Amino acid sequence: MAFDIDGAVVLITGGNTGIGKATAIALASKGARVVITSRDEARGKLALDEIRSSSARDDVDMVGLDLSRLASVRHCAETFEERFDRLDVLVNNAGIALTRGPRQVTHDGIEMQFGVNHVGHFVLTNLLLPLIRKSAPARIVNLSSGGYLMAPDGLNFDDLQMQQNYKGFPCYGHSKLANIYFTTELARRVQDDGISVNAVHPGYVETELGHLRPEDKARFVREEKKPAKKSAGGGGPDLSSLGPPLSPEEGAATSILVASSPEVEGITGRYFADSVVTEITPIAADGEAAARLWGATEELLASLNG
């Protein structure tokens, strides 16, 4: 049986804003039964109204999810499974970029960017994987970024959470490389299950990524109480060289293609940019490092549970 987005059940993390919301509107317009996640219920409901209106679909739904709290991740998966009996497409879209300021940690004590961008989605995907297998042919789309190039030497497995010599931009780059490694290893593990797993680069997009809202002050746990030095951002790249940012709709184009198009049928474990399969660096394509990250993430989670 071939994959068809029309009638498919789709879950999009962070679908209440930016690229996620644009992806939700497009996929709902194609006939998908879209479910978005949102940390904030009020903001999520506003997004639901907009998505329903723009897609002319009244069956768009929402579940709560805060990727910085593993209890919330587990509750999201449980809630979804209670309300839906299939999951054809999972778009791991939500993310955070704390490129300035001191190191911060999640509710569970994990470095914030690694915790939200990688660990939260790792847990959510694995919890939902039985339902995705049941729904095959199915697709998993992981939003990575060209920011992975800020980790040119790969991950430091001796200090995955950058407890030593923390710098915001390199830490963000590490989390985006982790997204690619997660994609590679997950694709290998489900290669015989009728599930395709791919990573996408949305481009330089004008979104709320990296913008802190007032409620985030209570959400984040700072490890450093002293004011951040100007160098805390880690000497990040000059984004002005990228030109004007894309709109969320333009940035969502690759996610939409990989989530829905028959053109990508059978393609798995790849990295897409500008809506085409794009080669990545040898470091990013390291399958052994991808498998090692999977094991290290499982060990981290076991230590938190035990």
Protein backbone atom coordinates (compact mmCIF):
# COMPACT_ATOMS: atom_id res chain seq x y z
CA MET A 1 0.00 0.00 0.00
CA ALA A 2 1.38 3.40 -0.99
CA PHE A 3 1.52 6.32 1.43
CA ASP A 4 -1.22 8.95 1.00
CA ILE A 5 -1.36 12.20 2.97
CA ASP A 6 -5.09 12.53 2.29
CA GLY A 7 -6.73 11.07 5.41
CA ALA A 8 -3.41 10.55 7.21
CA VAL A 9 -3.13 11.39 10.92
CA VAL A 10 -0.27 13.85 11.44
CA LEU A 11 1.31 15.06 14.71
CA ILE A 12 3.43 18.23 14.54
CA THR A 13 5.37 19.33 17.60
CA GLY A 14 5.42 23.09 18.02
CA GLY A 15 2.66 23.42 15.44
CA ASN A 16 1.26 26.53 17.08
CA THR A 17 3.80 28.93 15.58
CA GLY A 18 6.29 29.58 12.79
CA ILE A 19 7.34 26.70 10.55
CA GLY A 20 5.19 24.25 12.49
CA LYS A 21 2.02 26.25 12.01
CA ALA A 22 2.73 26.74 8.30
CA THR A 23 3.32 22.98 8.00
CA ALA A 24 0.05 22.28 9.81
CA ILE A 25 -1.95 24.54 7.49
CA ALA A 26 -0.44 22.99 4.37
CA LEU A 27 -0.90 19.37 5.46
CA ALA A 28 -4.46 19.97 6.69
CA SER A 29 -5.20 21.59 3.32
CA LYS A 30 -3.97 18.39 1.66
CA GLY A 31 -6.54 16.37 3.59
CA ALA A 32 -4.55 15.26 6.62
CA ARG A 33 -6.04 14.98 10.10
CA VAL A 34 -3.57 17.32 11.80
CA VAL A 35 -2.78 17.45 15.50
CA ILE A 36 -0.43 20.14 16.80
CA THR A 37 1.34 20.43 20.14
CA SER A 38 1.74 23.58 22.17
CA ARG A 39 3.32 24.39 25.53
CA ASP A 40 0.81 27.13 26.19
CA GLU A 41 -2.88 26.22 25.93
CA ALA A 42 -4.08 29.76 25.15
CA ARG A 43 -1.54 30.25 22.36
CA GLY A 44 -2.35 26.80 21.07
CA LYS A 45 -6.06 27.57 20.84
CA LEU A 46 -5.37 30.76 18.91
CA ALA A 47 -3.21 28.79 16.48
CA LEU A 48 -5.95 26.16 16.12
CA ASP A 49 -8.43 28.82 15.05
CA GLU A 50 -5.99 30.13 12.44
CA ILE A 51 -5.07 26.69 11.11
CA ARG A 52 -8.71 25.63 10.86
CA SER A 53 -9.66 28.84 9.08
CA SER A 54 -6.71 28.82 6.68
CA SER A 55 -7.09 25.14 5.77
CA ALA A 56 -10.90 25.07 5.78
CA ARG A 57 -10.70 22.07 8.10
CA ASP A 58 -12.52 21.98 11.44
CA ASP A 59 -10.93 18.74 12.66
CA VAL A 60 -7.46 20.13 13.48
CA ASP A 61 -6.69 19.23 17.09
CA MET A 62 -4.12 19.96 19.81
CA VAL A 63 -2.34 18.20 22.67
CA GLY A 64 -0.16 19.84 25.29
CA LEU A 65 3.58 19.30 25.18
CA ASP A 66 6.55 20.87 26.94
CA LEU A 67 9.69 19.19 25.61
CA SER A 68 11.71 20.53 28.54
CA ARG A 69 9.70 18.30 30.92
CA LEU A 70 9.90 14.57 30.30
CA ALA A 71 6.75 14.04 32.34
CA SER A 72 4.96 16.29 29.84
CA VAL A 73 6.45 14.32 26.94
CA ARG A 74 5.12 11.07 28.39
CA HIS A 75 1.71 12.62 29.08
CA CYS A 76 1.54 13.91 25.50
CA ALA A 77 2.19 10.43 24.11
CA GLU A 78 -0.39 8.88 26.45
CA THR A 79 -3.00 11.51 25.54
CA PHE A 80 -2.41 11.06 21.83
CA GLU A 81 -2.75 7.29 22.05
CA GLU A 82 -5.99 7.66 24.00
CA ARG A 83 -7.50 9.89 21.33
CA PHE A 84 -6.13 8.40 18.10
CA ASP A 85 -5.69 4.84 16.90
CA ARG A 86 -3.05 5.62 14.28
CA LEU A 87 -0.17 7.99 13.51
CA ASP A 88 0.90 8.18 9.88
CA VAL A 89 3.25 11.17 10.07
CA LEU A 90 5.24 12.54 13.01
CA VAL A 91 6.91 15.90 12.39
CA ASN A 92 9.41 16.66 15.15
CA ASN A 93 9.39 20.37 14.43
CA ALA A 94 9.70 22.16 17.78
CA GLY A 95 13.05 23.49 18.87
CA ILE A 96 14.92 26.07 20.87
CA ALA A 97 18.03 28.17 20.24
CA LEU A 98 19.59 29.72 23.33
CA THR A 99 22.63 31.12 21.61
CA ARG A 100 23.15 33.94 24.09
CA GLY A 101 23.48 33.90 27.84
CA PRO A 102 24.48 31.30 30.42
CA ARG A 103 23.95 27.58 30.33
CA GLN A 104 20.40 26.55 31.24
CA VAL A 105 18.86 23.21 32.08
CA THR A 106 15.48 21.56 31.71
CA HIS A 107 13.17 20.55 34.55
CA ASP A 108 14.95 17.17 34.51
CA GLY A 109 18.43 18.71 34.71
CA ILE A 110 19.45 18.26 31.06
CA GLU A 111 21.17 21.09 29.18
CA MET A 112 18.28 22.97 27.61
CA GLN A 113 19.11 22.85 23.89
CA PHE A 114 20.21 19.21 23.97
CA GLY A 115 17.21 18.36 26.15
CA VAL A 116 14.53 20.05 24.06
CA ASN A 117 15.91 19.58 20.56
CA HIS A 118 17.14 16.01 20.97
CA VAL A 119 16.16 14.20 24.17
CA GLY A 120 12.52 15.33 24.28
CA HIS A 121 11.90 14.27 20.70
CA PHE A 122 13.86 11.04 21.22
CA VAL A 123 11.51 10.09 24.06
CA LEU A 124 8.33 11.19 22.29
CA THR A 125 9.20 9.33 19.08
CA ASN A 126 10.06 6.10 20.86
CA LEU A 127 6.87 6.22 22.92
CA LEU A 128 4.79 6.69 19.76
CA LEU A 129 6.76 4.23 17.65
CA PRO A 130 4.42 1.24 18.23
CA LEU A 131 1.52 3.33 16.93
CA ILE A 132 3.57 4.52 13.97
CA ARG A 133 4.55 0.93 13.12
CA LYS A 134 0.89 -0.05 13.27
CA SER A 135 0.09 2.73 10.78
CA ALA A 136 2.78 1.92 8.20
CA PRO A 137 3.51 3.06 5.58
CA ALA A 138 4.42 6.02 7.77
CA ARG A 139 6.86 8.90 7.91
CA ILE A 140 8.93 10.66 10.57
CA VAL A 141 10.36 14.09 9.78
CA ASN A 142 13.01 15.60 12.06
CA LEU A 143 13.82 19.29 11.78
CA SER A 144 17.55 19.65 11.93
CA SER A 145 19.44 22.64 10.54
CA GLY A 146 22.53 23.68 8.68
CA GLY A 147 23.53 24.74 12.18
CA TYR A 148 24.97 21.23 12.55
CA LEU A 149 28.01 22.66 10.77
CA MET A 150 28.79 24.50 14.02
CA ALA A 151 29.83 21.08 15.35
CA PRO A 152 32.55 20.35 12.75
CA ASP A 153 34.35 17.85 14.97
CA GLY A 154 31.22 15.93 15.92
CA LEU A 155 29.77 15.41 19.38
CA ASN A 156 31.89 15.37 22.51
CA PHE A 157 30.64 12.12 24.03
CA ASP A 158 32.59 12.85 27.21
CA ASP A 159 30.53 16.02 27.73
CA LEU A 160 27.34 15.82 25.65
CA GLN A 161 25.64 18.48 27.76
CA MET A 162 28.54 20.94 27.64
CA GLN A 163 28.97 21.17 31.38
CA GLN A 164 32.53 22.28 30.65
CA ASN A 165 33.24 25.34 28.52
CA TYR A 166 29.61 25.99 27.59
CA LYS A 167 28.99 28.23 24.58
CA GLY A 168 25.52 28.83 23.17
CA PHE A 169 26.08 28.65 19.43
CA PRO A 170 28.26 25.51 19.45
CA CYS A 171 25.78 23.86 21.83
CA TYR A 172 22.93 24.62 19.42
CA GLY A 173 25.01 23.16 16.60
CA HIS A 174 25.59 19.99 18.62
CA SER A 175 21.84 19.59 19.18
CA LYS A 176 21.20 19.93 15.44
CA LEU A 177 23.89 17.34 14.70
CA ALA A 178 22.15 15.13 17.27
CA ASN A 179 18.95 15.48 15.21
CA ILE A 180 20.79 14.09 12.20
CA TYR A 181 22.32 11.23 14.18
CA PHE A 182 18.90 10.39 15.63
CA THR A 183 17.48 10.32 12.11
CA THR A 184 20.23 8.04 10.84
CA GLU A 185 19.99 5.50 13.64
CA LEU A 186 16.19 5.49 13.82
CA ALA A 187 15.99 4.96 10.05
CA ARG A 188 18.30 1.95 10.43
CA ARG A 189 16.21 0.51 13.27
CA VAL A 190 12.87 0.78 11.43
CA GLN A 191 14.08 0.07 7.89
CA ASP A 192 11.99 -3.10 7.66
CA ASP A 193 8.85 -1.59 9.25
CA GLY A 194 7.57 0.54 6.38
CA ILE A 195 8.61 3.77 8.10
CA SER A 196 10.76 6.42 6.42
CA VAL A 197 12.78 8.76 8.64
CA ASN A 198 14.40 11.88 7.24
CA ALA A 199 15.94 15.12 8.51
CA VAL A 200 15.24 18.52 6.97
CA HIS A 201 16.93 21.90 6.91
CA PRO A 202 14.34 24.68 6.69
CA GLY A 203 16.79 27.45 5.81
CA TYR A 204 17.28 30.76 7.56
CA VAL A 205 13.74 31.55 8.66
CA GLU A 206 12.17 34.44 10.57
CA THR A 207 10.55 32.60 13.50
CA GLU A 208 10.32 32.81 17.29
CA LEU A 209 13.21 30.36 17.64
CA GLY A 210 15.52 31.79 20.25
CA HIS A 211 13.04 34.40 21.44
CA LEU A 212 12.17 34.11 25.14
CA ARG A 213 8.64 34.86 26.27
CA PRO A 214 7.81 36.08 29.81
CA GLU A 215 6.59 32.64 30.90
CA ASP A 216 9.97 31.15 29.93
CA LYS A 217 11.63 32.90 32.86
CA ALA A 218 9.94 30.46 35.22
CA ARG A 219 10.44 27.53 32.84
CA PHE A 220 14.21 27.71 32.63
CA VAL A 221 16.55 26.80 35.47
CA ARG A 222 19.75 28.79 35.29
CA GLU A 223 22.92 27.13 36.43
CA GLU A 224 24.71 30.47 36.59
CA LYS A 225 23.30 33.25 38.74
CA LYS A 226 25.85 35.87 37.71
CA PRO A 227 25.23 38.05 34.63
CA ALA A 228 26.29 36.47 31.39
CA LYS A 229 29.42 37.77 29.75
CA LYS A 230 29.21 39.04 26.20
CA SER A 231 31.23 36.06 25.05
CA ALA A 232 28.62 33.60 26.33
CA GLY A 233 27.09 33.34 22.89
CA GLY A 234 30.14 31.45 21.75
CA GLY A 235 31.24 33.67 18.87
CA GLY A 236 28.28 32.73 16.69
CA PRO A 237 28.15 33.13 12.92
CA ASP A 238 27.26 36.39 11.22
CA LEU A 239 23.72 35.64 10.04
CA SER A 240 23.66 38.82 7.97
CA SER A 241 25.67 36.95 5.33
CA LEU A 242 22.63 34.73 4.74
CA GLY A 243 20.57 37.60 3.39
CA PRO A 244 16.96 38.29 4.33
CA PRO A 245 15.26 35.45 6.22
CA LEU A 246 12.62 33.25 4.65
CA SER A 247 9.01 33.44 5.74
CA PRO A 248 7.69 30.54 7.87
CA GLU A 249 5.73 29.38 4.82
CA GLU A 250 8.90 29.27 2.71
CA GLY A 251 10.80 27.58 5.52
CA ALA A 252 8.11 24.92 5.86
CA ALA A 253 8.32 23.87 2.20
CA THR A 254 10.87 21.10 2.74
CA SER A 255 9.04 19.69 5.77
CA ILE A 256 5.79 19.64 3.80
CA LEU A 257 7.41 17.84 0.86
CA VAL A 258 9.09 15.18 2.99
CA ALA A 259 5.95 14.65 5.08
CA SER A 260 3.51 14.34 2.19
CA SER A 261 4.92 14.00 -1.32
CA PRO A 262 4.89 10.72 -3.28
CA GLU A 263 8.19 11.91 -4.78
CA VAL A 264 10.08 10.90 -1.63
CA GLU A 265 8.50 7.44 -1.33
CA GLY A 266 11.13 4.93 -0.26
CA ILE A 267 13.75 7.54 0.70
CA THR A 268 14.91 7.19 4.30
CA GLY A 269 17.83 8.18 6.50
CA ARG A 270 18.59 11.24 4.39
CA TYR A 271 18.96 14.99 4.89
CA PHE A 272 16.83 17.34 2.80
CA ALA A 273 17.52 21.02 2.09
CA ASP A 274 15.70 23.20 -0.44
CA SER A 275 13.33 20.25 -0.97
CA VAL A 276 16.01 17.90 -2.32
CA VAL A 277 18.26 15.24 -0.81
CA THR A 278 21.49 16.97 0.16
CA GLU A 279 24.84 15.46 1.07
CA ILE A 280 26.12 16.11 4.58
CA THR A 281 29.64 16.18 5.97
CA PRO A 282 31.46 12.91 6.73
CA ILE A 283 31.20 13.73 10.45
CA ALA A 284 27.41 14.11 10.20
CA ALA A 285 27.15 10.92 8.12
CA ASP A 286 29.00 8.83 10.74
CA GLY A 287 26.72 5.86 11.44
CA GLU A 288 28.83 4.67 14.37
CA ALA A 289 28.50 8.04 16.07
CA ALA A 290 24.74 7.94 15.44
CA ALA A 291 24.47 4.55 17.15
CA ARG A 292 26.67 5.76 19.99
CA LEU A 293 24.41 8.78 20.57
CA TRP A 294 21.37 6.50 20.73
CA GLY A 295 23.04 4.42 23.43
CA ALA A 296 24.25 7.48 25.33
CA THR A 297 20.74 8.95 25.28
CA GLU A 298 19.28 5.72 26.64
CA GLU A 299 21.91 5.73 29.41
CA LEU A 300 21.06 9.34 30.27
CA LEU A 301 17.36 8.54 30.51
CA ALA A 302 18.05 5.46 32.62
CA SER A 303 20.09 7.56 35.03
CA LEU A 304 17.21 10.02 35.39
CA ASN A 305 14.73 7.22 36.03
CA GLY A 306 16.94 5.35 38.43
